[in-house]
PDB file of all heavy atoms in Angstrom:
ATOM      1  N   LEU A   1      -9.522  12.108  10.657  1.00  0.00           N
ATOM      2  CA  LEU A   1     -10.439  13.225  10.831  1.00  0.00           C
ATOM      3  C   LEU A   1     -11.555  12.825  11.793  1.00  0.00           C
ATOM      4  O   LEU A   1     -12.228  11.809  11.590  1.00  0.00           O
ATOM      5  CB  LEU A   1     -11.022  13.650   9.485  1.00  0.00           C
ATOM      6  CG  LEU A   1     -10.010  14.220   8.472  1.00  0.00           C
ATOM      7  CD1 LEU A   1     -10.720  14.633   7.195  1.00  0.00           C
ATOM      8  CD2 LEU A   1      -9.254  15.414   9.064  1.00  0.00           C
ATOM      9  N   PRO A   2     -11.778  13.600  12.841  1.00  0.00           N
ATOM     10  CA  PRO A   2     -12.742  13.185  13.883  1.00  0.00           C
ATOM     11  C   PRO A   2     -14.173  13.104  13.394  1.00  0.00           C
ATOM     12  O   PRO A   2     -14.988  12.399  13.990  1.00  0.00           O
ATOM     13  CB  PRO A   2     -12.572  14.267  14.958  1.00  0.00           C
ATOM     14  CG  PRO A   2     -11.983  15.438  14.248  1.00  0.00           C
ATOM     15  CD  PRO A   2     -11.120  14.872  13.160  1.00  0.00           C
ATOM     16  N   TRP A   3     -14.509  13.822  12.343  1.00  0.00           N
ATOM     17  CA  TRP A   3     -15.884  13.802  11.847  1.00  0.00           C
ATOM     18  C   TRP A   3     -16.125  12.729  10.782  1.00  0.00           C
ATOM     19  O   TRP A   3     -17.184  12.681  10.185  1.00  0.00           O
ATOM     20  CB  TRP A   3     -16.267  15.171  11.291  1.00  0.00           C
ATOM     21  CG  TRP A   3     -15.326  15.697  10.250  1.00  0.00           C
ATOM     22  CD1 TRP A   3     -15.302  15.391   8.929  1.00  0.00           C
ATOM     23  CD2 TRP A   3     -14.256  16.615  10.468  1.00  0.00           C
ATOM     24  NE1 TRP A   3     -14.286  16.044   8.294  1.00  0.00           N
ATOM     25  CE2 TRP A   3     -13.625  16.823   9.214  1.00  0.00           C
ATOM     26  CE3 TRP A   3     -13.759  17.294  11.594  1.00  0.00           C
ATOM     27  CZ2 TRP A   3     -12.526  17.662   9.060  1.00  0.00           C
ATOM     28  CZ3 TRP A   3     -12.676  18.135  11.423  1.00  0.00           C
ATOM     29  CH2 TRP A   3     -12.074  18.307  10.180  1.00  0.00           C
ATOM     30  N   SER A   4     -15.137  11.889  10.543  1.00  0.00           N
ATOM     31  CA  SER A   4     -15.309  10.813   9.575  1.00  0.00           C
ATOM     32  C   SER A   4     -16.331   9.794  10.091  1.00  0.00           C
ATOM     33  O   SER A   4     -16.184   9.278  11.208  1.00  0.00           O
ATOM     34  CB  SER A   4     -13.974  10.115   9.321  1.00  0.00           C
ATOM     35  OG  SER A   4     -14.135   9.021   8.455  1.00  0.00           O
ATOM     36  N   PRO A   5     -17.386   9.477   9.320  1.00  0.00           N
ATOM     37  CA  PRO A   5     -18.427   8.556   9.793  1.00  0.00           C
ATOM     38  C   PRO A   5     -17.872   7.151  10.039  1.00  0.00           C
ATOM     39  O   PRO A   5     -17.010   6.666   9.304  1.00  0.00           O
ATOM     40  CB  PRO A   5     -19.443   8.540   8.641  1.00  0.00           C
ATOM     41  CG  PRO A   5     -19.138   9.746   7.824  1.00  0.00           C
ATOM     42  CD  PRO A   5     -17.670  10.003   7.980  1.00  0.00           C
ATOM     43  N   VAL A   6     -18.389   6.504  11.070  1.00  0.00           N
ATOM     44  CA  VAL A   6     -17.972   5.141  11.387  1.00  0.00           C
ATOM     45  C   VAL A   6     -18.282   4.199  10.232  1.00  0.00           C
ATOM     46  O   VAL A   6     -17.505   3.292   9.922  1.00  0.00           O
ATOM     47  CB  VAL A   6     -18.655   4.668  12.684  1.00  0.00           C
ATOM     48  CG1 VAL A   6     -18.401   3.180  12.914  1.00  0.00           C
ATOM     49  CG2 VAL A   6     -18.154   5.476  13.875  1.00  0.00           C
ATOM     50  N   GLU A   7     -19.418   4.403   9.588  1.00  0.00           N
ATOM     51  CA  GLU A   7     -19.785   3.539   8.471  1.00  0.00           C
ATOM     52  C   GLU A   7     -18.790   3.648   7.320  1.00  0.00           C
ATOM     53  O   GLU A   7     -18.526   2.673   6.624  1.00  0.00           O
ATOM     54  CB  GLU A   7     -21.199   3.887   7.986  1.00  0.00           C
ATOM     55  CG  GLU A   7     -22.295   3.523   8.971  1.00  0.00           C
ATOM     56  CD  GLU A   7     -22.286   2.041   9.322  1.00  0.00           C
ATOM     57  OE1 GLU A   7     -22.090   1.220   8.400  1.00  0.00           O
ATOM     58  OE2 GLU A   7     -22.459   1.706  10.499  1.00  0.00           O
ATOM     59  N   LEU A   8     -18.256   4.842   7.103  1.00  0.00           N
ATOM     60  CA  LEU A   8     -17.245   5.019   6.061  1.00  0.00           C
ATOM     61  C   LEU A   8     -15.979   4.258   6.411  1.00  0.00           C
ATOM     62  O   LEU A   8     -15.361   3.630   5.544  1.00  0.00           O
ATOM     63  CB  LEU A   8     -16.942   6.507   5.875  1.00  0.00           C
ATOM     64  CG  LEU A   8     -15.857   6.856   4.859  1.00  0.00           C
ATOM     65  CD1 LEU A   8     -16.282   6.401   3.459  1.00  0.00           C
ATOM     66  CD2 LEU A   8     -15.548   8.350   4.871  1.00  0.00           C
ATOM     67  N   ARG A   9     -15.599   4.270   7.680  1.00  0.00           N
ATOM     68  CA  ARG A   9     -14.414   3.526   8.119  1.00  0.00           C
ATOM     69  C   ARG A   9     -14.611   2.030   7.910  1.00  0.00           C
ATOM     70  O   ARG A   9     -13.696   1.324   7.483  1.00  0.00           O
ATOM     71  CB  ARG A   9     -14.134   3.820   9.593  1.00  0.00           C
ATOM     72  CG  ARG A   9     -13.820   5.276   9.874  1.00  0.00           C
ATOM     73  CD  ARG A   9     -13.547   5.508  11.341  1.00  0.00           C
ATOM     74  NE  ARG A   9     -13.322   6.919  11.614  1.00  0.00           N
ATOM     75  CZ  ARG A   9     -12.973   7.403  12.806  1.00  0.00           C
ATOM     76  NH1 ARG A   9     -12.801   6.589  13.820  1.00  0.00           N
ATOM     77  NH2 ARG A   9     -12.792   8.706  12.966  1.00  0.00           N
ATOM     78  N   LYS A  10     -15.809   1.544   8.212  1.00  0.00           N
ATOM     79  CA  LYS A  10     -16.104   0.132   7.996  1.00  0.00           C
ATOM     80  C   LYS A  10     -15.977  -0.235   6.518  1.00  0.00           C
ATOM     81  O   LYS A  10     -15.477  -1.305   6.168  1.00  0.00           O
ATOM     82  CB  LYS A  10     -17.523  -0.185   8.470  1.00  0.00           C
ATOM     83  CG  LYS A  10     -17.709  -0.235   9.973  1.00  0.00           C
ATOM     84  CD  LYS A  10     -19.145  -0.621  10.278  1.00  0.00           C
ATOM     85  CE  LYS A  10     -19.402  -0.707  11.773  1.00  0.00           C
ATOM     86  NZ  LYS A  10     -20.819  -1.077  12.058  1.00  0.00           N
ATOM     87  N   LEU A  11     -16.452   0.671   5.672  1.00  0.00           N
ATOM     88  CA  LEU A  11     -16.446   0.400   4.240  1.00  0.00           C
ATOM     89  C   LEU A  11     -15.027   0.398   3.677  1.00  0.00           C
ATOM     90  O   LEU A  11     -14.674  -0.436   2.845  1.00  0.00           O
ATOM     91  CB  LEU A  11     -17.296   1.458   3.523  1.00  0.00           C
ATOM     92  CG  LEU A  11     -17.392   1.351   1.998  1.00  0.00           C
ATOM     93  CD1 LEU A  11     -18.109   0.060   1.609  1.00  0.00           C
ATOM     94  CD2 LEU A  11     -18.115   2.568   1.425  1.00  0.00           C
ATOM     95  N   ILE A  12     -14.205   1.330   4.146  1.00  0.00           N
ATOM     96  CA  ILE A  12     -12.867   1.512   3.580  1.00  0.00           C
ATOM     97  C   ILE A  12     -11.846   0.549   4.161  1.00  0.00           C
ATOM     98  O   ILE A  12     -10.892   0.164   3.488  1.00  0.00           O
ATOM     99  CB  ILE A  12     -12.413   2.980   3.797  1.00  0.00           C
ATOM    100  CG1 ILE A  12     -13.235   3.917   2.911  1.00  0.00           C
ATOM    101  CG2 ILE A  12     -10.927   3.153   3.510  1.00  0.00           C
ATOM    102  CD1 ILE A  12     -12.904   5.374   3.102  1.00  0.00           C
ATOM    103  N   LYS A  13     -12.043   0.121   5.404  1.00  0.00           N
ATOM    104  CA  LYS A  13     -11.006  -0.633   6.116  1.00  0.00           C
ATOM    105  C   LYS A  13     -10.482  -1.860   5.366  1.00  0.00           C
ATOM    106  O   LYS A  13      -9.263  -2.044   5.262  1.00  0.00           O
ATOM    107  CB  LYS A  13     -11.503  -1.031   7.496  1.00  0.00           C
ATOM    108  CG  LYS A  13     -10.448  -1.749   8.331  1.00  0.00           C
ATOM    109  CD  LYS A  13     -10.979  -2.066   9.706  1.00  0.00           C
ATOM    110  CE  LYS A  13     -11.235  -0.803  10.479  1.00  0.00           C
ATOM    111  NZ  LYS A  13     -11.740  -1.092  11.846  1.00  0.00           N
ATOM    112  N   PRO A  14     -11.341  -2.738   4.813  1.00  0.00           N
ATOM    113  CA  PRO A  14     -10.786  -3.917   4.126  1.00  0.00           C
ATOM    114  C   PRO A  14      -9.868  -3.558   2.964  1.00  0.00           C
ATOM    115  O   PRO A  14      -8.808  -4.171   2.790  1.00  0.00           O
ATOM    116  CB  PRO A  14     -12.047  -4.655   3.644  1.00  0.00           C
ATOM    117  CG  PRO A  14     -13.125  -4.199   4.556  1.00  0.00           C
ATOM    118  CD  PRO A  14     -12.816  -2.771   4.866  1.00  0.00           C
ATOM    119  N   THR A  15     -10.272  -2.558   2.183  1.00  0.00           N
ATOM    120  CA  THR A  15      -9.419  -2.123   1.066  1.00  0.00           C
ATOM    121  C   THR A  15      -8.144  -1.475   1.577  1.00  0.00           C
ATOM    122  O   THR A  15      -7.059  -1.673   1.012  1.00  0.00           O
ATOM    123  CB  THR A  15     -10.188  -1.136   0.171  1.00  0.00           C
ATOM    124  OG1 THR A  15     -11.390  -1.750  -0.289  1.00  0.00           O
ATOM    125  CG2 THR A  15      -9.345  -0.708  -1.019  1.00  0.00           C
ATOM    126  N   HIS A  16      -8.244  -0.709   2.646  1.00  0.00           N
ATOM    127  CA  HIS A  16      -7.088  -0.051   3.243  1.00  0.00           C
ATOM    128  C   HIS A  16      -6.061  -1.081   3.716  1.00  0.00           C
ATOM    129  O   HIS A  16      -4.851  -0.936   3.478  1.00  0.00           O
ATOM    130  CB  HIS A  16      -7.559   0.806   4.421  1.00  0.00           C
ATOM    131  CG  HIS A  16      -6.482   1.625   5.050  1.00  0.00           C
ATOM    132  ND1 HIS A  16      -5.957   2.756   4.481  1.00  0.00           N
ATOM    133  CD2 HIS A  16      -5.825   1.476   6.234  1.00  0.00           C
ATOM    134  CE1 HIS A  16      -5.026   3.271   5.269  1.00  0.00           C
ATOM    135  NE2 HIS A  16      -4.924   2.512   6.336  1.00  0.00           N
ATOM    136  N   VAL A  17      -6.546  -2.126   4.360  1.00  0.00           N
ATOM    137  CA  VAL A  17      -5.662  -3.187   4.859  1.00  0.00           C
ATOM    138  C   VAL A  17      -4.985  -3.908   3.694  1.00  0.00           C
ATOM    139  O   VAL A  17      -3.765  -4.122   3.686  1.00  0.00           O
ATOM    140  CB  VAL A  17      -6.466  -4.174   5.725  1.00  0.00           C
ATOM    141  CG1 VAL A  17      -5.631  -5.405   6.052  1.00  0.00           C
ATOM    142  CG2 VAL A  17      -6.953  -3.494   6.994  1.00  0.00           C
ATOM    143  N   TRP A  18      -5.788  -4.296   2.715  1.00  0.00           N
ATOM    144  CA  TRP A  18      -5.251  -5.027   1.557  1.00  0.00           C
ATOM    145  C   TRP A  18      -4.256  -4.167   0.781  1.00  0.00           C
ATOM    146  O   TRP A  18      -3.182  -4.630   0.399  1.00  0.00           O
ATOM    147  CB  TRP A  18      -6.409  -5.454   0.665  1.00  0.00           C
ATOM    148  CG  TRP A  18      -5.989  -6.151  -0.581  1.00  0.00           C
ATOM    149  CD1 TRP A  18      -5.612  -7.457  -0.713  1.00  0.00           C
ATOM    150  CD2 TRP A  18      -5.886  -5.583  -1.895  1.00  0.00           C
ATOM    151  NE1 TRP A  18      -5.286  -7.738  -2.024  1.00  0.00           N
ATOM    152  CE2 TRP A  18      -5.448  -6.602  -2.771  1.00  0.00           C
ATOM    153  CE3 TRP A  18      -6.146  -4.312  -2.422  1.00  0.00           C
ATOM    154  CZ2 TRP A  18      -5.246  -6.386  -4.127  1.00  0.00           C
ATOM    155  CZ3 TRP A  18      -5.945  -4.093  -3.774  1.00  0.00           C
ATOM    156  CH2 TRP A  18      -5.503  -5.123  -4.614  1.00  0.00           C
ATOM    157  N   MET A  19      -4.611  -2.905   0.562  1.00  0.00           N
ATOM    158  CA  MET A  19      -3.740  -2.023  -0.208  1.00  0.00           C
ATOM    159  C   MET A  19      -2.420  -1.768   0.511  1.00  0.00           C
ATOM    160  O   MET A  19      -1.369  -1.631  -0.122  1.00  0.00           O
ATOM    161  CB  MET A  19      -4.447  -0.693  -0.478  1.00  0.00           C
ATOM    162  CG  MET A  19      -3.710   0.213  -1.453  1.00  0.00           C
ATOM    163  SD  MET A  19      -3.572  -0.504  -3.102  1.00  0.00           S
ATOM    164  CE  MET A  19      -5.282  -0.417  -3.620  1.00  0.00           C
ATOM    165  N   GLY A  20      -2.458  -1.719   1.834  1.00  0.00           N
ATOM    166  CA  GLY A  20      -1.218  -1.516   2.580  1.00  0.00           C
ATOM    167  C   GLY A  20      -0.215  -2.623   2.324  1.00  0.00           C
ATOM    168  O   GLY A  20       0.983  -2.365   2.129  1.00  0.00           O
ATOM    169  N   ALA A  21      -0.679  -3.864   2.309  1.00  0.00           N
ATOM    170  CA  ALA A  21       0.215  -4.988   2.035  1.00  0.00           C
ATOM    171  C   ALA A  21       0.726  -4.947   0.604  1.00  0.00           C
ATOM    172  O   ALA A  21       1.906  -5.210   0.342  1.00  0.00           O
ATOM    173  CB  ALA A  21      -0.514  -6.304   2.301  1.00  0.00           C
ATOM    174  N   ILE A  22      -0.164  -4.599  -0.332  1.00  0.00           N
ATOM    175  CA  ILE A  22       0.235  -4.533  -1.743  1.00  0.00           C
ATOM    176  C   ILE A  22       1.307  -3.476  -1.952  1.00  0.00           C
ATOM    177  O   ILE A  22       2.291  -3.692  -2.678  1.00  0.00           O
ATOM    178  CB  ILE A  22      -0.989  -4.228  -2.632  1.00  0.00           C
ATOM    179  CG1 ILE A  22      -1.971  -5.405  -2.597  1.00  0.00           C
ATOM    180  CG2 ILE A  22      -0.564  -3.928  -4.063  1.00  0.00           C
ATOM    181  CD1 ILE A  22      -1.408  -6.698  -3.120  1.00  0.00           C
ATOM    182  N   ILE A  23       1.164  -2.322  -1.314  1.00  0.00           N
ATOM    183  CA  ILE A  23       2.137  -1.242  -1.479  1.00  0.00           C
ATOM    184  C   ILE A  23       3.509  -1.663  -0.956  1.00  0.00           C
ATOM    185  O   ILE A  23       4.540  -1.375  -1.577  1.00  0.00           O
ATOM    186  CB  ILE A  23       1.650   0.041  -0.778  1.00  0.00           C
ATOM    187  CG1 ILE A  23       0.431   0.609  -1.507  1.00  0.00           C
ATOM    188  CG2 ILE A  23       2.765   1.094  -0.727  1.00  0.00           C
ATOM    189  CD1 ILE A  23      -0.260   1.735  -0.768  1.00  0.00           C
ATOM    190  N   LEU A  24       3.546  -2.348   0.173  1.00  0.00           N
ATOM    191  CA  LEU A  24       4.829  -2.805   0.710  1.00  0.00           C
ATOM    192  C   LEU A  24       5.508  -3.773  -0.246  1.00  0.00           C
ATOM    193  O   LEU A  24       6.711  -3.661  -0.520  1.00  0.00           O
ATOM    194  CB  LEU A  24       4.625  -3.464   2.070  1.00  0.00           C
ATOM    195  CG  LEU A  24       5.887  -4.017   2.733  1.00  0.00           C
ATOM    196  CD1 LEU A  24       6.899  -2.909   2.980  1.00  0.00           C
ATOM    197  CD2 LEU A  24       5.544  -4.728   4.041  1.00  0.00           C
ATOM    198  N   VAL A  25       4.742  -4.722  -0.774  1.00  0.00           N
ATOM    199  CA  VAL A  25       5.309  -5.685  -1.721  1.00  0.00           C
ATOM    200  C   VAL A  25       5.793  -4.986  -2.986  1.00  0.00           C
ATOM    201  O   VAL A  25       6.894  -5.259  -3.491  1.00  0.00           O
ATOM    202  CB  VAL A  25       4.272  -6.782  -2.060  1.00  0.00           C
ATOM    203  CG1 VAL A  25       4.785  -7.678  -3.178  1.00  0.00           C
ATOM    204  CG2 VAL A  25       3.953  -7.608  -0.822  1.00  0.00           C
ATOM    205  N   LEU A  26       4.988  -4.067  -3.513  1.00  0.00           N
ATOM    206  CA  LEU A  26       5.388  -3.327  -4.712  1.00  0.00           C
ATOM    207  C   LEU A  26       6.627  -2.466  -4.456  1.00  0.00           C
ATOM    208  O   LEU A  26       7.471  -2.304  -5.347  1.00  0.00           O
ATOM    209  CB  LEU A  26       4.232  -2.443  -5.197  1.00  0.00           C
ATOM    210  CG  LEU A  26       3.060  -3.164  -5.849  1.00  0.00           C
ATOM    211  CD1 LEU A  26       1.940  -2.166  -6.168  1.00  0.00           C
ATOM    212  CD2 LEU A  26       3.493  -3.886  -7.115  1.00  0.00           C
ATOM    213  N   SER A  27       6.742  -1.916  -3.255  1.00  0.00           N
ATOM    214  CA  SER A  27       7.921  -1.123  -2.908  1.00  0.00           C
ATOM    215  C   SER A  27       9.189  -1.965  -2.977  1.00  0.00           C
ATOM    216  O   SER A  27      10.227  -1.525  -3.497  1.00  0.00           O
ATOM    217  CB  SER A  27       7.763  -0.525  -1.505  1.00  0.00           C
ATOM    218  OG  SER A  27       6.654   0.333  -1.424  1.00  0.00           O
ATOM    219  N   ILE A  28       9.106  -3.177  -2.451  1.00  0.00           N
ATOM    220  CA  ILE A  28      10.259  -4.070  -2.477  1.00  0.00           C
ATOM    221  C   ILE A  28      10.600  -4.458  -3.913  1.00  0.00           C
ATOM    222  O   ILE A  28      11.773  -4.447  -4.316  1.00  0.00           O
ATOM    223  CB  ILE A  28       9.970  -5.318  -1.620  1.00  0.00           C
ATOM    224  CG1 ILE A  28       9.838  -4.918  -0.151  1.00  0.00           C
ATOM    225  CG2 ILE A  28      11.070  -6.358  -1.790  1.00  0.00           C
ATOM    226  CD1 ILE A  28       9.303  -6.015   0.738  1.00  0.00           C
ATOM    227  N   ILE A  29       9.571  -4.780  -4.711  1.00  0.00           N
ATOM    228  CA  ILE A  29       9.811  -5.119  -6.115  1.00  0.00           C
ATOM    229  C   ILE A  29      10.449  -3.950  -6.847  1.00  0.00           C
ATOM    230  O   ILE A  29      11.397  -4.125  -7.626  1.00  0.00           O
ATOM    231  CB  ILE A  29       8.486  -5.526  -6.795  1.00  0.00           C
ATOM    232  CG1 ILE A  29       7.968  -6.834  -6.205  1.00  0.00           C
ATOM    233  CG2 ILE A  29       8.673  -5.653  -8.298  1.00  0.00           C
ATOM    234  CD1 ILE A  29       6.588  -7.213  -6.679  1.00  0.00           C
ATOM    235  N   SER A  30       9.951  -2.742  -6.600  1.00  0.00           N
ATOM    236  CA  SER A  30      10.504  -1.559  -7.265  1.00  0.00           C
ATOM    237  C   SER A  30      11.974  -1.367  -6.933  1.00  0.00           C
ATOM    238  O   SER A  30      12.795  -1.089  -7.815  1.00  0.00           O
ATOM    239  CB  SER A  30       9.707  -0.311  -6.857  1.00  0.00           C
ATOM    240  OG  SER A  30       8.360  -0.413  -7.224  1.00  0.00           O
ATOM    241  N   CYS A  31      12.324  -1.521  -5.655  1.00  0.00           N
ATOM    242  CA  CYS A  31      13.703  -1.263  -5.237  1.00  0.00           C
ATOM    243  C   CYS A  31      14.669  -2.321  -5.756  1.00  0.00           C
ATOM    244  O   CYS A  31      15.754  -1.989  -6.255  1.00  0.00           O
ATOM    245  CB  CYS A  31      13.776  -1.174  -3.715  1.00  0.00           C
ATOM    246  SG  CYS A  31      13.064   0.351  -3.052  1.00  0.00           S
ATOM    247  N   ILE A  32      14.308  -3.586  -5.660  1.00  0.00           N
ATOM    248  CA  ILE A  32      15.263  -4.608  -6.109  1.00  0.00           C
ATOM    249  C   ILE A  32      15.372  -4.620  -7.635  1.00  0.00           C
ATOM    250  O   ILE A  32      16.448  -4.888  -8.175  1.00  0.00           O
ATOM    251  CB  ILE A  32      14.896  -6.004  -5.568  1.00  0.00           C
ATOM    252  CG1 ILE A  32      13.523  -6.455  -6.025  1.00  0.00           C
ATOM    253  CG2 ILE A  32      14.987  -6.019  -4.047  1.00  0.00           C
ATOM    254  CD1 ILE A  32      13.162  -7.862  -5.566  1.00  0.00           C
ATOM    255  N   SER A  33      14.295  -4.291  -8.349  1.00  0.00           N
ATOM    256  CA  SER A  33      14.396  -4.190  -9.811  1.00  0.00           C
ATOM    257  C   SER A  33      15.245  -2.984 -10.205  1.00  0.00           C
ATOM    258  O   SER A  33      15.993  -3.025 -11.185  1.00  0.00           O
ATOM    259  CB  SER A  33      13.012  -4.101 -10.452  1.00  0.00           C
ATOM    260  OG  SER A  33      12.328  -2.922 -10.070  1.00  0.00           O
ATOM    261  N   GLY A  34      15.151  -1.895  -9.416  1.00  0.00           N
ATOM    262  CA  GLY A  34      15.975  -0.713  -9.690  1.00  0.00           C
ATOM    263  C   GLY A  34      17.452  -0.977  -9.452  1.00  0.00           C
ATOM    264  O   GLY A  34      18.303  -0.522 -10.223  1.00  0.00           O
ATOM    265  N   ILE A  35      17.761  -1.705  -8.380  1.00  0.00           N
ATOM    266  CA  ILE A  35      19.163  -2.074  -8.119  1.00  0.00           C
ATOM    267  C   ILE A  35      19.708  -2.896  -9.272  1.00  0.00           C
ATOM    268  O   ILE A  35      20.818  -2.648  -9.775  1.00  0.00           O
ATOM    269  CB  ILE A  35      19.262  -2.855  -6.789  1.00  0.00           C
ATOM    270  CG1 ILE A  35      18.933  -1.943  -5.607  1.00  0.00           C
ATOM    271  CG2 ILE A  35      20.660  -3.458  -6.624  1.00  0.00           C
ATOM    272  CD1 ILE A  35      18.748  -2.689  -4.298  1.00  0.00           C
ATOM    273  N   ASN A  36      18.943  -3.871  -9.711  1.00  0.00           N
ATOM    274  CA  ASN A  36      19.377  -4.735 -10.798  1.00  0.00           C
ATOM    275  C   ASN A  36      19.572  -3.942 -12.095  1.00  0.00           C
ATOM    276  O   ASN A  36      20.566  -4.127 -12.805  1.00  0.00           O
ATOM    277  CB  ASN A  36      18.353  -5.847 -10.995  1.00  0.00           C
ATOM    278  CG  ASN A  36      18.863  -6.992 -11.822  1.00  0.00           C
ATOM    279  OD1 ASN A  36      18.309  -7.325 -12.852  1.00  0.00           O
ATOM    280  ND2 ASN A  36      19.944  -7.629 -11.376  1.00  0.00           N
ATOM    281  N   GLU A  37      18.639  -3.052 -12.378  1.00  0.00           N
ATOM    282  CA  GLU A  37      18.733  -2.230 -13.593  1.00  0.00           C
ATOM    283  C   GLU A  37      19.960  -1.331 -13.557  1.00  0.00           C
ATOM    284  O   GLU A  37      20.673  -1.185 -14.554  1.00  0.00           O
ATOM    285  CB  GLU A  37      17.465  -1.402 -13.728  1.00  0.00           C
ATOM    286  CG  GLU A  37      17.396  -0.559 -14.990  1.00  0.00           C
ATOM    287  CD  GLU A  37      16.085   0.197 -15.086  1.00  0.00           C
ATOM    288  OE1 GLU A  37      15.066  -0.429 -15.431  1.00  0.00           O
ATOM    289  OE2 GLU A  37      16.089   1.413 -14.805  1.00  0.00           O
ATOM    290  N   LYS A  38      20.224  -0.721 -12.396  1.00  0.00           N
ATOM    291  CA  LYS A  38      21.382   0.165 -12.267  1.00  0.00           C
ATOM    292  C   LYS A  38      22.686  -0.602 -12.485  1.00  0.00           C
ATOM    293  O   LYS A  38      23.615  -0.100 -13.142  1.00  0.00           O
ATOM    294  CB  LYS A  38      21.375   0.816 -10.877  1.00  0.00           C
ATOM    295  CG  LYS A  38      22.552   1.748 -10.619  1.00  0.00           C
ATOM    296  CD  LYS A  38      22.572   2.917 -11.589  1.00  0.00           C
ATOM    297  CE  LYS A  38      23.697   3.871 -11.255  1.00  0.00           C
ATOM    298  NZ  LYS A  38      23.780   4.990 -12.237  1.00  0.00           N
ATOM    299  N   LEU A  39      22.763  -1.797 -11.954  1.00  0.00           N
ATOM    300  CA  LEU A  39      23.980  -2.594 -12.131  1.00  0.00           C
ATOM    301  C   LEU A  39      24.178  -2.987 -13.595  1.00  0.00           C
ATOM    302  O   LEU A  39      25.302  -2.954 -14.102  1.00  0.00           O
ATOM    303  CB  LEU A  39      23.925  -3.837 -11.245  1.00  0.00           C
ATOM    304  CG  LEU A  39      24.026  -3.588  -9.738  1.00  0.00           C
ATOM    305  CD1 LEU A  39      23.807  -4.877  -8.964  1.00  0.00           C
ATOM    306  CD2 LEU A  39      25.367  -2.960  -9.367  1.00  0.00           C
ATOM    307  N   PHE A  40      23.110  -3.340 -14.274  1.00  0.00           N
ATOM    308  CA  PHE A  40      23.223  -3.681 -15.692  1.00  0.00           C
ATOM    309  C   PHE A  40      23.698  -2.476 -16.507  1.00  0.00           C
ATOM    310  O   PHE A  40      24.511  -2.615 -17.430  1.00  0.00           O
ATOM    311  CB  PHE A  40      21.881  -4.177 -16.235  1.00  0.00           C
ATOM    312  CG  PHE A  40      21.653  -5.643 -16.030  1.00  0.00           C
ATOM    313  CD1 PHE A  40      20.574  -6.089 -15.283  1.00  0.00           C
ATOM    314  CD2 PHE A  40      22.515  -6.589 -16.573  1.00  0.00           C
ATOM    315  CE1 PHE A  40      20.358  -7.453 -15.101  1.00  0.00           C
ATOM    316  CE2 PHE A  40      22.310  -7.946 -16.387  1.00  0.00           C
ATOM    317  CZ  PHE A  40      21.225  -8.372 -15.651  1.00  0.00           C
TER     318      PHE A  40
END
């Protein structure tokens, strides 16, 4: 959003970066655990 304050972006960015990595890892865990569960 073009009207988003720069200070808000500074505040959110570290959490945004960290959360992005966490979501990718959790996605992989979810999928491989689901494959294993389905096979069982």
